[in-house]
Protein backbone atom coordinates (compact mmCIF):
# COMPACT_ATOMS: atom_id res chain seq x y z
CA MET A 1 0.00 0.00 0.00
CA ASP A 2 1.45 3.42 -0.92
CA LYS A 3 1.55 6.34 1.50
CA ALA A 4 -1.51 8.00 0.06
CA SER A 5 -3.71 4.96 0.42
CA ALA A 6 -2.20 4.00 3.77
CA SER A 7 -2.89 7.25 5.57
CA GLY A 8 -5.85 7.48 7.91
CA LEU A 9 -6.88 3.84 7.76
CA GLY A 10 -9.57 4.28 10.37
CA GLU A 11 -11.23 7.22 8.60
CA ASP A 12 -10.81 5.63 5.17
CA LEU A 13 -12.78 2.58 6.28
CA TYR A 14 -15.86 4.55 7.18
CA ARG A 15 -15.65 6.73 4.09
CA ALA A 16 -15.37 3.57 1.97
CA HIS A 17 -18.63 2.21 3.42
CA ASP A 18 -20.92 5.17 2.69
CA ASP A 19 -23.03 3.03 0.39
CA LYS A 20 -25.81 1.84 2.72
CA GLY A 21 -27.03 -0.70 0.21
CA ARG A 22 -23.79 -2.63 0.56
CA LEU A 23 -24.76 -4.05 3.98
CA ASN A 24 -27.96 -5.39 2.49
CA GLU A 25 -25.86 -7.30 -0.04
CA ILE A 26 -23.83 -8.80 2.80
CA ILE A 27 -26.98 -9.74 4.72
CA LYS A 28 -28.39 -11.60 1.70
CA ASP A 29 -25.59 -14.17 2.03
CA CYS A 30 -25.84 -14.43 5.83
CA HIS A 31 -27.75 -16.66 8.21
CA SER A 32 -29.65 -14.88 10.96
CA PHE A 33 -29.44 -16.19 14.52
CA ALA A 34 -32.70 -17.67 15.83
CA GLY A 35 -35.02 -14.96 17.17
CA GLN A 36 -32.51 -12.18 16.48
CA GLN A 37 -33.33 -10.39 13.24
CA SER A 38 -30.40 -7.95 13.51
CA HIS A 39 -27.78 -10.58 14.35
CA TYR A 40 -26.14 -12.37 11.39
CA LEU A 41 -23.60 -15.11 10.74
CA LEU A 42 -21.29 -14.21 7.85
CA LYS A 43 -20.91 -16.60 4.96
CA ALA A 44 -17.33 -17.76 5.49
CA ARG A 45 -15.41 -20.76 4.22
CA LYS A 46 -13.84 -23.14 6.72
CA ILE A 47 -10.74 -25.25 6.10
CA ASN A 48 -8.94 -27.48 8.58
CA LEU A 49 -5.19 -26.92 8.37
CA ASN A 50 -4.17 -30.05 10.26
CA GLU A 51 -5.40 -33.60 10.62
CA ASP A 52 -7.28 -33.24 13.89
CA GLY A 53 -8.96 -29.89 13.21
CA THR A 54 -7.33 -28.05 16.14
CA LEU A 55 -5.99 -25.56 13.58
CA ARG A 56 -8.53 -24.18 11.14
CA ARG A 57 -9.04 -21.19 8.88
CA TRP A 58 -12.19 -19.19 8.23
CA THR A 59 -12.14 -16.98 5.12
CA TYR A 60 -14.61 -14.21 4.37
CA GLY A 61 -14.49 -12.53 0.96
CA GLU A 62 -11.97 -12.85 -1.86
CA LYS A 63 -8.30 -12.02 -1.44
CA ASP A 64 -6.91 -9.03 -3.36
CA GLU A 65 -3.19 -9.59 -3.93
CA LYS A 66 -2.70 -5.85 -4.57
CA LYS A 67 -3.68 -4.92 -1.01
CA SER A 68 -1.40 -5.00 1.99
CA CYS A 69 -2.36 -7.34 4.80
CA LYS A 70 -2.40 -6.74 8.55
CA THR A 71 -1.98 -9.77 10.82
CA ILE A 72 -2.98 -9.74 14.49
CA LEU A 73 -2.40 -12.55 17.00
CA MET A 74 -4.96 -12.52 19.83
CA VAL A 75 -4.08 -14.02 23.21
CA GLY A 76 -6.47 -14.17 26.15
CA GLU A 77 -8.15 -16.34 28.72
CA THR A 78 -11.68 -17.63 28.22
CA GLY A 79 -14.10 -15.13 29.72
CA THR A 80 -12.15 -11.97 28.87
CA GLY A 81 -14.33 -11.26 25.83
CA LYS A 82 -11.81 -12.19 23.14
CA THR A 83 -14.40 -13.63 20.72
CA THR A 84 -16.63 -10.57 21.01
CA LEU A 85 -13.59 -8.33 20.50
CA ILE A 86 -12.70 -10.20 17.31
CA ASN A 87 -16.24 -9.74 16.02
CA THR A 88 -16.09 -6.05 16.97
CA ILE A 89 -12.99 -5.66 14.80
CA ILE A 90 -14.67 -7.52 11.94
CA ASN A 91 -17.78 -5.34 12.16
CA TYR A 92 -15.56 -2.26 12.02
CA ILE A 93 -13.77 -3.57 8.92
CA LEU A 94 -17.18 -4.24 7.34
CA GLY A 95 -18.06 -0.59 7.99
CA VAL A 96 -21.03 -1.31 10.28
CA LYS A 97 -22.26 1.90 11.97
CA PHE A 98 -24.40 2.36 15.04
CA GLU A 99 -27.33 3.53 12.90
CA ASP A 100 -27.28 0.30 10.87
CA LYS A 101 -28.59 -1.65 13.87
CA VAL A 102 -26.99 -4.91 12.76
CA TRP A 103 -24.23 -7.15 14.10
CA PHE A 104 -22.18 -9.75 12.25
CA GLU A 105 -20.24 -12.73 13.53
CA ILE A 106 -17.83 -14.89 11.55
CA THR A 107 -18.48 -18.15 13.40
CA ASN A 108 -20.74 -19.50 16.11
CA GLU A 109 -18.32 -22.25 17.23
CA GLU A 110 -17.44 -20.57 20.52
CA ASP A 111 -16.81 -23.83 22.39
CA ASP A 112 -14.14 -24.85 19.87
CA ASN A 113 -12.49 -21.45 20.25
CA GLN A 114 -11.50 -22.50 23.77
CA THR A 115 -9.45 -25.42 22.50
CA HIS A 116 -8.61 -24.72 18.85
CA MET A 117 -6.41 -22.18 17.12
CA THR A 118 -8.35 -20.30 14.46
CA VAL A 119 -7.14 -18.10 11.62
CA TYR A 120 -9.71 -15.56 10.39
CA GLU A 121 -9.07 -14.05 6.95
CA ILE A 122 -11.17 -10.94 6.29
CA TYR A 123 -11.20 -9.65 2.72
CA VAL A 124 -13.54 -6.69 2.29
CA LYS A 125 -13.51 -5.07 -1.15
CA GLU A 126 -14.04 -1.55 0.15
CA ALA A 127 -11.39 -1.78 2.90
CA PRO A 128 -7.92 -0.39 2.05
CA PHE A 129 -6.21 -3.49 3.50
CA SER A 130 -6.82 -7.16 4.20
CA LEU A 131 -7.00 -8.46 7.76
CA ILE A 132 -5.89 -11.75 9.32
CA ILE A 133 -6.65 -12.52 12.97
CA ILE A 134 -5.05 -15.53 14.65
CA ASP A 135 -7.12 -16.52 17.66
CA THR A 136 -5.29 -18.69 20.19
CA PRO A 137 -7.25 -20.97 22.57
CA GLY A 138 -8.48 -19.43 25.81
CA TYR A 139 -7.76 -22.75 27.57
CA GLY A 140 -11.02 -24.71 27.99
CA ASP A 141 -9.92 -28.32 28.31
CA THR A 142 -6.37 -27.56 27.17
CA ARG A 143 -4.81 -27.27 30.61
CA GLY A 144 -1.12 -27.43 31.21
CA LEU A 145 1.50 -28.82 28.87
CA LYS A 146 -1.14 -29.94 26.38
CA TYR A 147 -1.85 -26.26 25.67
CA ASP A 148 1.83 -25.45 25.30
CA GLN A 149 2.39 -28.35 22.90
CA GLN A 150 -0.67 -27.60 20.82
CA ILE A 151 0.13 -23.89 20.46
CA ALA A 152 3.71 -24.67 19.45
CA GLU A 153 2.61 -27.32 16.94
CA ASN A 154 -0.01 -25.13 15.29
CA LEU A 155 2.15 -22.00 15.12
CA TYR A 156 4.89 -24.11 13.62
CA ILE A 157 2.51 -25.33 10.93
CA LEU A 158 1.46 -21.75 10.16
CA CYS A 159 5.08 -20.57 9.95
CA ARG A 160 6.24 -23.37 7.67
CA SER A 161 3.35 -23.74 5.23
CA VAL A 162 3.62 -21.91 1.91
CA ASP A 163 0.27 -20.14 2.31
CA GLY A 164 0.72 -19.70 6.06
CA ILE A 165 1.63 -16.73 8.25
CA HIS A 166 5.10 -15.26 7.80
CA GLU A 167 4.71 -11.84 9.43
CA ILE A 168 2.92 -10.44 12.49
CA ASP A 169 1.86 -6.80 12.75
CA ALA A 170 0.56 -6.94 16.32
CA VAL A 171 0.08 -9.30 19.24
CA GLY A 172 -2.99 -8.39 21.30
CA LEU A 173 -3.12 -9.40 24.96
CA VAL A 174 -6.76 -9.34 26.06
CA VAL A 175 -7.55 -8.44 29.71
CA LYS A 176 -10.70 -7.24 31.46
CA ALA A 177 -10.93 -3.68 32.77
CA SER A 178 -11.93 -4.95 36.22
CA GLN A 179 -8.80 -7.03 36.76
CA ASN A 180 -6.32 -5.92 39.38
CA ARG A 181 -4.18 -9.05 38.95
CA LEU A 182 -3.63 -11.64 36.28
CA THR A 183 -4.94 -15.09 37.10
CA ASP A 184 -2.52 -18.00 37.12
CA SER A 185 -4.10 -19.36 33.95
CA GLN A 186 -3.77 -15.96 32.22
CA LYS A 187 -0.11 -15.72 33.15
CA TYR A 188 0.41 -19.26 31.91
CA ILE A 189 -1.37 -18.59 28.60
CA PHE A 190 0.54 -15.34 27.96
CA ASP A 191 3.87 -17.02 28.78
CA ALA A 192 3.09 -20.12 26.74
CA VAL A 193 2.38 -18.07 23.61
CA LEU A 194 4.97 -15.30 24.01
CA SER A 195 7.74 -17.79 24.75
CA LEU A 196 7.41 -18.95 21.15
CA PHE A 197 8.47 -15.59 19.75
CA GLY A 198 11.84 -13.94 19.37
CA LYS A 199 12.71 -10.91 21.46
CA ASP A 200 12.10 -8.57 18.52
CA ILE A 201 8.33 -9.04 18.87
CA GLU A 202 8.06 -7.08 22.15
CA GLN A 203 7.31 -3.69 20.55
CA SER A 204 4.46 -5.29 18.61
CA ILE A 205 2.57 -6.37 21.75
CA VAL A 206 -0.44 -4.23 22.65
CA ILE A 207 -3.06 -4.55 25.37
CA PHE A 208 -6.76 -4.82 24.55
CA VAL A 209 -8.84 -3.87 27.59
CA THR A 210 -12.36 -5.30 27.39
CA HIS A 211 -15.57 -4.53 29.34
CA SER A 212 -14.29 -0.98 29.66
CA ASP A 213 -16.35 2.11 30.51
CA GLY A 214 -13.77 4.32 28.81
CA ALA A 215 -11.80 5.21 31.94
CA TYR A 216 -8.03 4.89 32.17
CA PRO A 217 -7.36 1.15 32.75
CA LYS A 218 -5.18 1.59 35.83
CA ASN A 219 -5.81 -1.85 37.34
CA PRO A 220 -5.21 -4.11 34.31
CA LEU A 221 -2.11 -2.15 33.26
CA ALA A 222 -0.68 -2.42 36.79
CA ALA A 223 -1.54 -6.15 36.87
CA THR A 224 0.18 -6.73 33.52
CA LYS A 225 3.26 -4.84 34.66
CA LYS A 226 3.40 -6.71 37.98
CA ALA A 227 3.20 -10.03 36.14
CA LYS A 228 6.19 -8.93 34.03
CA VAL A 229 4.31 -9.47 30.78
CA PRO A 230 6.14 -7.55 28.02
CA TYR A 231 4.31 -4.96 25.90
CA ALA A 232 4.96 -1.98 23.63
CA GLN A 233 5.31 1.49 25.13
CA GLU A 234 5.09 5.01 23.76
CA ASN A 235 6.59 7.78 25.90
CA ASN A 236 6.91 5.28 28.77
CA THR A 237 3.18 4.55 28.57
CA PRO A 238 1.79 1.10 27.67
CA VAL A 239 0.05 0.91 24.29
CA TYR A 240 -3.53 -0.09 25.04
CA PHE A 241 -6.99 0.12 23.47
CA LEU A 242 -10.41 0.11 25.17
CA PHE A 243 -13.53 -1.82 24.21
CA ASN A 244 -16.86 -2.16 26.00
CA ASN A 245 -17.80 -5.61 24.64
CA TYR A 246 -21.51 -5.02 24.23
CA LYS A 247 -22.51 -7.90 22.01
CA GLY A 248 -24.68 -7.31 18.98
CA GLU A 249 -27.65 -9.27 20.30
CA ALA A 250 -28.01 -6.75 23.15
CA PHE A 251 -28.48 -3.95 20.66
CA GLN A 252 -32.14 -4.46 19.80
CA ALA A 253 -33.27 -4.88 23.42
CA GLU A 254 -31.29 -1.83 24.51
CA CYS A 255 -32.79 0.38 21.80
CA GLU A 256 -36.34 -0.79 22.52
CA GLU A 257 -36.05 -0.02 26.25
CA SER A 258 -34.41 3.39 25.91
CA ASP A 259 -32.99 5.82 23.41
CA GLY A 260 -29.95 3.58 23.03
CA SER A 261 -27.59 6.17 24.50
CA VAL A 262 -25.74 3.63 26.66
CA TYR A 263 -25.21 1.34 23.71
CA ARG A 264 -24.20 4.28 21.47
CA THR A 265 -21.55 5.30 24.00
CA ALA A 266 -20.20 1.73 24.06
CA TRP A 267 -20.27 1.57 20.27
CA ASN A 268 -18.44 4.87 19.89
CA LEU A 269 -15.78 3.72 22.35
CA GLY A 270 -15.06 0.75 20.11
CA VAL A 271 -15.00 2.88 16.95
CA ASP A 272 -12.63 5.46 18.45
CA ASN A 273 -10.23 2.81 19.72
CA MET A 274 -10.30 0.88 16.46
CA LYS A 275 -9.23 4.08 14.69
CA LYS A 276 -6.41 4.52 17.22
CA PHE A 277 -5.38 0.90 16.83
CA LEU A 278 -5.19 1.16 13.05
CA GLU A 279 -3.22 4.38 13.34
CA HIS A 280 -0.81 2.54 15.63
CA LEU A 281 -0.54 -0.30 13.10
CA GLU A 282 0.42 2.18 10.40
CA LYS A 283 3.51 3.13 12.38
CA MET A 284 4.54 -0.45 13.09
CA GLN A 285 6.89 -2.50 10.98
CA PRO A 286 5.63 -6.07 10.55
CA LYS A 287 7.79 -8.61 12.33
CA SER A 288 9.07 -11.59 10.40
CA LEU A 289 8.33 -14.94 12.00
CA ARG A 290 11.70 -16.28 10.88
CA MET A 291 13.06 -16.09 14.44
CA THR A 292 9.79 -17.49 15.78
CA LYS A 293 10.13 -20.45 13.42
CA GLU A 294 13.68 -20.95 14.68
CA VAL A 295 12.54 -20.77 18.32
CA LEU A 296 9.80 -23.29 17.59
CA ARG A 297 12.24 -25.59 15.82
CA GLN A 298 14.71 -25.40 18.69
CA ARG A 299 11.94 -25.90 21.24
CA LYS A 300 10.81 -29.04 19.45
CA GLN A 301 14.36 -30.30 19.13
CA LEU A 302 14.92 -29.68 22.83
CA ALA A 303 11.82 -31.63 23.84
CA ALA A 304 12.65 -34.46 21.45
CA CYS A 305 16.31 -34.45 22.50
CA VAL A 306 15.51 -34.64 26.21
CA GLN A 307 12.84 -37.30 25.68
CA ASN A 308 15.29 -39.35 23.64
CA LEU A 309 18.02 -38.60 26.17
CA GLN A 310 15.92 -39.96 29.01
CA ASP A 311 15.31 -43.18 27.09
CA ARG A 312 18.98 -43.58 26.22
CA ILE A 313 20.15 -42.88 29.76
CA LYS A 314 17.66 -45.39 31.07
CA MET A 315 19.03 -47.91 28.58
CA MET A 316 22.58 -47.12 29.70
CA GLU A 317 21.64 -47.54 33.35
CA LEU A 318 20.01 -50.88 32.58
CA LYS A 319 23.16 -51.84 30.72
CA GLN A 320 25.23 -50.78 33.72
CA THR A 321 23.14 -53.08 35.91
CA GLU A 322 23.73 -55.97 33.52
CA LEU A 323 27.48 -55.32 33.46
CA GLU A 324 27.62 -55.13 37.25
CA GLN A 325 25.75 -58.43 37.50
CA THR A 326 28.27 -59.96 35.09
CA GLN A 327 31.16 -58.57 37.12
CA GLU A 328 29.66 -60.00 40.32
CA ALA A 329 29.26 -63.41 38.67
CA LEU A 330 32.92 -63.42 37.69
CA ASN A 331 33.91 -62.66 41.27
CA ASP A 332 31.65 -65.44 42.55
CA HIS A 333 33.17 -68.05 40.20
CA LYS A 334 36.89 -67.40 40.59
CA LYS A 335 37.71 -71.05 41.13
CA GLU A 336 35.83 -72.23 38.06
CA MET A 337 37.64 -69.60 35.98
CA GLU A 338 41.00 -70.67 37.33
CA ARG A 339 40.24 -74.29 36.34
CA ASN A 340 38.93 -73.04 32.99
CA GLN A 341 35.55 -74.54 33.76
CA ASN A 342 32.32 -73.26 32.29
CA PHE A 343 29.57 -71.94 34.58
CA GLU A 344 26.13 -70.31 34.37
CA TYR A 345 24.73 -67.15 35.89
CA GLU A 346 21.66 -64.92 35.39
CA VAL A 347 21.43 -61.24 34.45
CA ASP A 348 18.68 -58.74 33.72
CA GLU A 349 19.22 -58.14 30.00
CA ALA A 350 17.98 -54.86 28.55
CA TYR A 351 16.34 -54.84 25.14
CA LYS A 352 13.99 -52.73 23.02
CA GLU A 353 10.63 -53.77 21.69
CA LYS A 354 8.48 -51.89 19.22
CA VAL A 355 4.93 -51.66 20.54
CA PRO A 356 1.72 -49.89 19.52
CA ILE A 357 1.32 -46.44 21.06
CA GLN A 358 -0.93 -46.63 24.10
CA GLN A 359 -2.65 -43.26 23.94
CA SER A 360 -3.96 -41.63 27.10
CA TRP A 361 -7.48 -40.28 26.82
CA TRP A 362 -6.34 -36.74 27.64
CA LEU A 363 -4.04 -36.77 24.57
CA SER A 364 -6.62 -38.21 22.19
CA TRP A 365 -7.78 -34.81 20.97
CA LEU A 366 -4.17 -33.99 19.94
CA LEU A 367 -3.87 -37.12 17.79
CA TYR A 368 -0.54 -38.08 19.33
CA THR A 369 -0.85 -41.52 17.76
CA LYS A 370 2.23 -41.43 15.55
CA ALA A 371 5.94 -41.15 16.16
CA THR A 372 9.03 -40.62 14.05
CA CYS A 373 11.43 -43.47 14.81
CA CYS A 374 14.82 -44.62 13.58
CA PRO A 375 14.90 -48.40 12.90
CA VAL A 376 18.69 -48.19 12.45
CA CYS A 377 19.29 -46.85 15.98
CA GLU A 378 16.08 -48.36 17.35
CA GLU A 379 15.13 -45.02 18.93
CA ASN A 380 12.13 -42.73 19.19
CA CYS A 381 13.29 -39.49 17.57
CA HIS A 382 10.11 -37.42 17.81
CA TYR A 383 7.29 -38.42 20.09
CA PRO A 384 4.93 -36.97 21.02
CA GLY A 385 4.35 -34.19 18.53
CA CYS A 386 5.13 -35.47 15.04
CA TRP A 387 1.70 -36.26 13.66
CA TRP A 388 1.21 -33.65 10.92
CA VAL A 389 4.20 -33.99 8.57
CA ARG A 390 3.89 -36.30 5.58
CA ASP A 391 7.44 -35.77 4.31
CA LEU A 392 9.79 -36.60 7.17
CA SER A 393 12.37 -34.12 5.87
CA TRP A 394 9.93 -31.52 7.26
CA CYS A 395 9.97 -33.02 10.73
CA SER A 396 11.29 -30.41 13.15
CA VAL A 397 14.00 -32.73 14.48
CA MET A 398 15.55 -32.94 11.01
CA SER A 399 18.29 -30.53 9.99
CA GLY A 400 20.11 -30.76 6.68
CA ASN A 401 18.06 -33.90 5.94
CA HIS A 402 19.58 -35.66 8.96
CA CYS A 403 18.09 -36.38 12.37
CA THR A 404 19.38 -34.21 15.20
CA VAL A 405 18.19 -36.68 17.86
CA CYS A 406 19.05 -40.31 17.18
CA THR A 407 22.47 -41.71 18.03
CA GLY A 408 23.59 -42.16 14.42
CA LYS A 409 22.14 -38.82 13.23
CA CYS A 410 20.68 -40.87 10.39
CA HIS A 411 19.21 -39.56 7.12
CA TYR A 412 15.49 -38.82 7.19
CA THR A 413 14.86 -41.57 4.61
CA GLN A 414 16.03 -44.10 7.19
CA HIS A 415 13.25 -43.01 9.55
CA VAL A 416 9.62 -44.09 9.67
CA LYS A 417 6.47 -42.48 11.00
CA GLU A 418 4.02 -44.99 12.36
CA GLU A 419 1.73 -45.79 15.27
CA LYS A 420 4.47 -47.60 17.19
CA ILE A 421 7.32 -46.61 19.49
CA TYR A 422 10.33 -48.36 20.99
CA GLU A 423 9.98 -49.30 24.65
CA LEU A 424 12.73 -50.43 26.99
CA ARG A 425 12.24 -53.83 28.55
CA THR A 426 14.29 -56.26 30.64
CA ARG A 427 14.28 -60.02 30.67
CA ARG A 428 15.99 -62.52 32.97
CA VAL A 429 18.38 -64.59 30.87
CA LYS A 430 21.01 -67.23 31.56
CA LYS A 431 24.59 -66.54 30.52
CA THR A 432 27.67 -68.75 30.60
CA HIS A 433 31.35 -68.17 31.10
CA GLU A 434 31.85 -69.02 27.44
CA ASP A 435 29.40 -66.27 26.44
CA VAL A 436 31.47 -63.69 28.29
CA LYS A 437 34.73 -64.94 26.77
CA MET A 438 33.28 -64.82 23.26
CA LYS A 439 32.22 -61.23 23.79
CA TYR A 440 35.31 -59.84 25.52
CA MET A 441 38.17 -62.32 25.03
CA GLU A 442 38.21 -63.20 21.34
CA GLU A 443 41.98 -62.83 20.95
CA GLU A 444 43.07 -62.46 24.57
CA GLY A 445 45.32 -64.94 26.27
CA LYS A 446 44.03 -67.07 29.11
CA VAL A 447 46.67 -66.22 31.67
CA LYS A 448 44.88 -63.20 33.10
CA GLU A 449 41.44 -64.03 31.88
CA LYS A 450 39.52 -62.75 34.90
CA GLU A 451 41.46 -59.48 35.05
CA SER A 452 41.01 -58.89 31.30
CA LEU A 453 37.28 -59.53 31.47
CA VAL A 454 36.85 -57.14 34.39
CA SER A 455 38.96 -54.54 32.59
CA ARG A 456 36.82 -54.79 29.46
CA ILE A 457 33.61 -54.45 31.45
CA GLN A 458 34.94 -51.43 33.31
CA SER A 459 36.00 -49.87 30.01
CA GLU A 460 32.49 -50.32 28.61
CA LEU A 461 31.00 -48.75 31.75
CA ARG A 462 33.25 -45.71 31.23
CA GLU A 463 32.10 -45.43 27.60
CA VAL A 464 28.47 -45.52 28.70
CA GLU A 465 29.11 -42.79 31.25
CA SER A 466 30.96 -40.65 28.69
CA GLU A 467 28.05 -40.85 26.23
CA LYS A 468 25.62 -39.94 29.01
CA ILE A 469 27.64 -36.81 29.78
CA ARG A 470 27.73 -35.82 26.10
CA LEU A 471 23.96 -36.11 25.78
CA VAL A 472 23.34 -34.09 28.94
CA LYS A 473 25.59 -31.28 27.67
CA GLU A 474 23.83 -31.33 24.30
CA ALA A 475 20.47 -30.78 25.99
CA TYR A 476 22.01 -28.06 28.17
CA GLN A 477 23.26 -26.17 25.11
CA CYS A 478 19.78 -26.25 23.58
CA VAL A 479 18.32 -24.74 26.77
CA MET A 480 20.95 -21.97 26.73
CA THR A 481 20.21 -21.18 23.08
CA LEU A 482 16.52 -20.82 23.89
CA GLU A 483 17.49 -18.55 26.78
CA GLU A 484 19.18 -16.21 24.28
CA THR A 485 16.58 -16.18 21.50
CA ALA A 486 13.12 -16.57 23.07
CA MET A 487 11.44 -13.53 24.59
CA GLU A 488 9.96 -15.63 27.40
CA SER A 489 12.71 -18.20 27.73
CA ASP A 490 11.11 -19.73 30.81
CA SER A 491 8.61 -21.62 28.69
CA PHE A 492 6.84 -24.32 30.65
CA SER A 493 7.58 -26.83 27.91
CA THR A 494 11.27 -26.13 28.62
CA LEU A 495 10.99 -25.86 32.41
CA ARG A 496 9.43 -29.29 32.78
CA HIS A 497 12.77 -30.78 31.68
CA LEU A 498 14.93 -28.78 34.07
CA ASP A 499 14.69 -31.02 37.13
CA PHE A 500 15.86 -33.97 35.07
CA LEU A 501 18.66 -31.96 33.42
CA ILE A 502 19.84 -30.50 36.73
CA GLU A 503 20.08 -33.96 38.29
CA LYS A 504 22.01 -35.39 35.35
CA MET A 505 24.28 -32.34 35.04
CA GLU A 506 25.17 -32.64 38.74
CA GLU A 507 26.06 -36.29 38.12
CA THR A 508 28.56 -35.16 35.47
CA GLY A 509 30.31 -33.01 38.08
CA ASP A 510 29.89 -29.77 36.09
CA LYS A 511 28.76 -27.52 38.95
CA VAL A 512 28.81 -24.32 36.86
CA LYS A 513 26.35 -25.60 34.26
CA ALA A 514 24.18 -27.21 36.94
CA GLN A 515 23.99 -23.87 38.75
CA LYS A 516 22.97 -22.05 35.55
CA LEU A 517 20.09 -24.48 35.13
CA ARG A 518 19.10 -23.99 38.78
CA ASP A 519 19.16 -20.21 38.27
CA ILE A 520 16.70 -20.51 35.37
CA LYS A 521 14.44 -22.75 37.43
CA GLN A 522 14.59 -20.50 40.52
CA ARG A 523 13.82 -17.39 38.49
CA ALA A 524 10.85 -19.12 36.90
CA ASP A 525 9.61 -20.35 40.27
CA SER A 526 9.76 -16.85 41.80
CA GLU A 527 8.11 -15.12 38.83
CA ASN A 528 5.68 -17.79 37.64
CA GLY A 529 4.98 -19.96 40.65
CA GLY A 530 1.22 -19.69 40.33
CA ALA A 531 1.28 -20.36 36.61
CA ARG A 532 3.47 -23.42 37.11
CA ALA A 533 1.05 -24.66 39.75
CA TYR A 534 -1.75 -24.11 37.24
CA ILE A 535 -0.28 -26.54 34.73
CA ARG A 536 -0.26 -29.22 37.42
CA ALA A 537 -3.91 -28.60 38.32
């Protein structure tokens, strides 16, 4: 959009909609809500963008490639009035005036809005720009880490798809005017979403204050500041916009009972603040989601790395047990070894078995029924979370067409995605002295057979420990990278791994790195204790 057409977006919208007959054309294609003649559902097209429908797109109108596009990400808890605010913005873009006595909504699937991410594309011919609103879930049934995982997955899909979202003009945090503190769930939701963005997004974050009477929103601004939620500022003042949140269906009753002055005041508040918001957008440079895509990729690699790390360490510890049992058997049969006699002993042998994924009911709505596995290494490389990619080169744990997780860093073509995962098992098996000699003493002399066997076992134990240390440090480096790039580095999807990483880092003897991990955890506990408790609720 050139400077001439870009100036005064708010005023241009209302000038563009002077033709009163245009609303009648819109209404012809709408469905009216039962018993509410002035309340209409827009004719919009719905497309699911992933397999399970938790990411969908509603499109109203036809896209004009010549127009610029403004993209807004909305974040807010259920009950703050986010859905009504979105419809308020859409009505403004449609040019609806108070005198028109109508109200439009783009969808009536409010229950799904609590659990699904929705992209609204608004293409109005008379408007000087196109509008995209990304509505994140308010929480609903998506408590805790499920929410974090779903948001990350769906944003990652939007960032990577060809016709997805590649720039953000504004992130809107929705809070109620009456709030004097953020709830634990609000703090969690804000952190979960904002942690997925790079630090350059901070000046694009604005505050939408709903249920407002037009007064200065002292309480919600103080609550947001106290919760250390980042936001844009102008002249050391938070950038905020006020909305009353009168819904369209209240319009007719209000006008019948009085002169409609209360509703007109609420309507005008929304119009004035929409003009201010669009004026603010004009001054903003859209933020590329390139860094966000990188944060998401690293976040996924971290989760997959730590999950894989835990499995591999468990396998190593089981192997250590088996080696120790073998060592004990050698000590118990010294005489037989000296006489070169065979003997039997029992050990707990570790092995891997590929089994169908046993899905918990609370993950069923996320369709975590598939995993990316490496048959060469016999490892789970990405589970849960890899259910949407068809081409495994697109899997977020792949880099340069090779896996960043499995032991052999194998090519993506050597991986499979299926409804099975590798599980660690143990079985009690009988071994003999000859078995041990065949494994460790192929070309060794028999003079110091016992000492050589013990030496070989101890050497293997040291190799296992060395690999464990390497894997722990690899996960540590991923956490530190996220600390540098993500705006809210204390993401709960990252923090849930810290206890495990701290314990394993301490076992390596690296006190400096262990302390850095403890510092991250302690800072998160002091700032987000309530939100962390919320995810465990």
